[in-house]
Amino acid sequence: MTTVQTIFTILLLISSLTLIVSVLLQKGDADGISALGGGSSSDSFFGKNKGKSAEGRLAVLTKGSAIAFVVLGLVLILV
């Protein structure tokens, strides 16, 4: 295993652990079924400013680590 492969493997491990932890820390969506009927909690103060809350930052962290996981996996295959 070369140095480059080792670095990408370590980065892949870190991104996978970050993805696992960020998914496990998220709250369940209680509005899941009611959102299908048109009911939404986005009208509240916390719904409008969700990106600035801890839940919003956690969602961004989850998306970023998922993208990093996929990209690093593809790069590792090509290297």
C-alpha atoms as a PDB file:
ATOM      1  CA  MET A   1       0.000   0.000   0.000  1.00  0.00           C
ATOM      2  CA  THR A   2       1.448   3.332  -1.017  1.00  0.00           C
ATOM      3  CA  THR A   3       1.465   6.488   1.047  1.00  0.00           C
ATOM      4  CA  VAL A   4      -1.291   8.039  -1.066  1.00  0.00           C
ATOM      5  CA  GLN A   5      -3.535   5.014  -0.565  1.00  0.00           C
ATOM      6  CA  THR A   6      -2.883   5.112   3.171  1.00  0.00           C
ATOM      7  CA  ILE A   7      -3.807   8.799   3.368  1.00  0.00           C
ATOM      8  CA  PHE A   8      -7.023   8.285   1.396  1.00  0.00           C
ATOM      9  CA  THR A   9      -7.903   5.242   3.514  1.00  0.00           C
ATOM     10  CA  ILE A  10      -7.488   7.250   6.724  1.00  0.00           C
ATOM     11  CA  LEU A  11      -9.568  10.110   5.294  1.00  0.00           C
ATOM     12  CA  LEU A  12     -12.245   7.597   4.235  1.00  0.00           C
ATOM     13  CA  LEU A  13     -12.289   6.138   7.741  1.00  0.00           C
ATOM     14  CA  ILE A  14     -12.665   9.597   9.299  1.00  0.00           C
ATOM     15  CA  SER A  15     -15.456  10.568   6.918  1.00  0.00           C
ATOM     16  CA  SER A  16     -17.307   7.302   7.534  1.00  0.00           C
ATOM     17  CA  LEU A  17     -17.104   7.726  11.308  1.00  0.00           C
ATOM     18  CA  THR A  18     -18.291  11.326  10.976  1.00  0.00           C
ATOM     19  CA  LEU A  19     -21.192  10.183   8.813  1.00  0.00           C
ATOM     20  CA  ILE A  20     -22.208   7.484  11.284  1.00  0.00           C
ATOM     21  CA  VAL A  21     -22.069   9.804  14.292  1.00  0.00           C
ATOM     22  CA  SER A  22     -23.901  12.647  12.554  1.00  0.00           C
ATOM     23  CA  VAL A  23     -26.720  10.344  11.429  1.00  0.00           C
ATOM     24  CA  LEU A  24     -27.077   8.855  14.901  1.00  0.00           C
ATOM     25  CA  LEU A  25     -27.211  12.297  16.544  1.00  0.00           C
ATOM     26  CA  GLN A  26     -30.088  13.547  14.389  1.00  0.00           C
ATOM     27  CA  LYS A  27     -33.576  13.590  15.820  1.00  0.00           C
ATOM     28  CA  GLY A  28     -36.280  11.502  14.228  1.00  0.00           C
ATOM     29  CA  ASP A  29     -38.673  13.334  11.952  1.00  0.00           C
ATOM     30  CA  ALA A  30     -42.020  13.329  13.727  1.00  0.00           C
ATOM     31  CA  ASP A  31     -43.636  15.153  10.805  1.00  0.00           C
ATOM     32  CA  GLY A  32     -42.787  12.400   8.329  1.00  0.00           C
ATOM     33  CA  ILE A  33     -46.275  11.086   7.659  1.00  0.00           C
ATOM     34  CA  SER A  34     -48.092  14.368   8.244  1.00  0.00           C
ATOM     35  CA  ALA A  35     -45.854  16.122   5.721  1.00  0.00           C
ATOM     36  CA  LEU A  36     -47.365  13.930   3.013  1.00  0.00           C
ATOM     37  CA  GLY A  37     -50.767  15.465   3.714  1.00  0.00           C
ATOM     38  CA  GLY A  38     -49.493  19.001   3.378  1.00  0.00           C
ATOM     39  CA  GLY A  39     -48.800  19.682   7.048  1.00  0.00           C
ATOM     40  CA  SER A  40     -45.411  21.186   7.660  1.00  0.00           C
ATOM     41  CA  SER A  41     -43.606  22.673  10.621  1.00  0.00           C
ATOM     42  CA  SER A  42     -41.645  25.130   8.469  1.00  0.00           C
ATOM     43  CA  ASP A  43     -44.016  27.933   9.453  1.00  0.00           C
ATOM     44  CA  SER A  44     -42.590  28.137  12.963  1.00  0.00           C
ATOM     45  CA  PHE A  45     -39.608  30.245  13.972  1.00  0.00           C
ATOM     46  CA  PHE A  46     -37.350  27.221  14.266  1.00  0.00           C
ATOM     47  CA  GLY A  47     -38.516  25.868  10.903  1.00  0.00           C
ATOM     48  CA  LYS A  48     -37.577  29.089   9.104  1.00  0.00           C
ATOM     49  CA  ASN A  49     -34.177  29.327  10.795  1.00  0.00           C
ATOM     50  CA  LYS A  50     -33.373  25.632  10.739  1.00  0.00           C
ATOM     51  CA  GLY A  51     -30.084  26.180   8.917  1.00  0.00           C
ATOM     52  CA  LYS A  52     -28.759  28.228  11.817  1.00  0.00           C
ATOM     53  CA  SER A  53     -29.812  25.784  14.524  1.00  0.00           C
ATOM     54  CA  ALA A  54     -27.882  22.775  15.772  1.00  0.00           C
ATOM     55  CA  GLU A  55     -30.135  20.491  13.726  1.00  0.00           C
ATOM     56  CA  GLY A  56     -29.384  22.470  10.573  1.00  0.00           C
ATOM     57  CA  ARG A  57     -25.654  22.340  11.140  1.00  0.00           C
ATOM     58  CA  LEU A  58     -25.887  18.619  11.837  1.00  0.00           C
ATOM     59  CA  ALA A  59     -27.759  18.117   8.560  1.00  0.00           C
ATOM     60  CA  VAL A  60     -25.055  20.034   6.686  1.00  0.00           C
ATOM     61  CA  LEU A  61     -22.375  17.941   8.408  1.00  0.00           C
ATOM     62  CA  THR A  62     -24.195  14.765   7.382  1.00  0.00           C
ATOM     63  CA  LYS A  63     -24.468  15.863   3.757  1.00  0.00           C
ATOM     64  CA  GLY A  64     -20.835  16.953   3.638  1.00  0.00           C
ATOM     65  CA  SER A  65     -19.510  13.764   5.172  1.00  0.00           C
ATOM     66  CA  ALA A  66     -21.675  11.658   2.842  1.00  0.00           C
ATOM     67  CA  ILE A  67     -20.295  13.498  -0.186  1.00  0.00           C
ATOM     68  CA  ALA A  68     -16.746  13.164   1.146  1.00  0.00           C
ATOM     69  CA  PHE A  69     -17.304   9.443   1.760  1.00  0.00           C
ATOM     70  CA  VAL A  70     -18.466   8.823  -1.808  1.00  0.00           C
ATOM     71  CA  VAL A  71     -15.753  10.965  -3.401  1.00  0.00           C
ATOM     72  CA  LEU A  72     -12.973   9.447  -1.293  1.00  0.00           C
ATOM     73  CA  GLY A  73     -14.261   5.952  -2.045  1.00  0.00           C
ATOM     74  CA  LEU A  74     -14.166   6.651  -5.782  1.00  0.00           C
ATOM     75  CA  VAL A  75     -10.717   8.228  -5.559  1.00  0.00           C
ATOM     76  CA  LEU A  76      -9.430   5.274  -3.577  1.00  0.00           C
ATOM     77  CA  ILE A  77     -10.699   2.885  -6.246  1.00  0.00           C
ATOM     78  CA  LEU A  78      -8.943   4.877  -8.969  1.00  0.00           C
ATOM     79  CA  VAL A  79      -5.636   5.181  -7.087  1.00  0.00           C
END
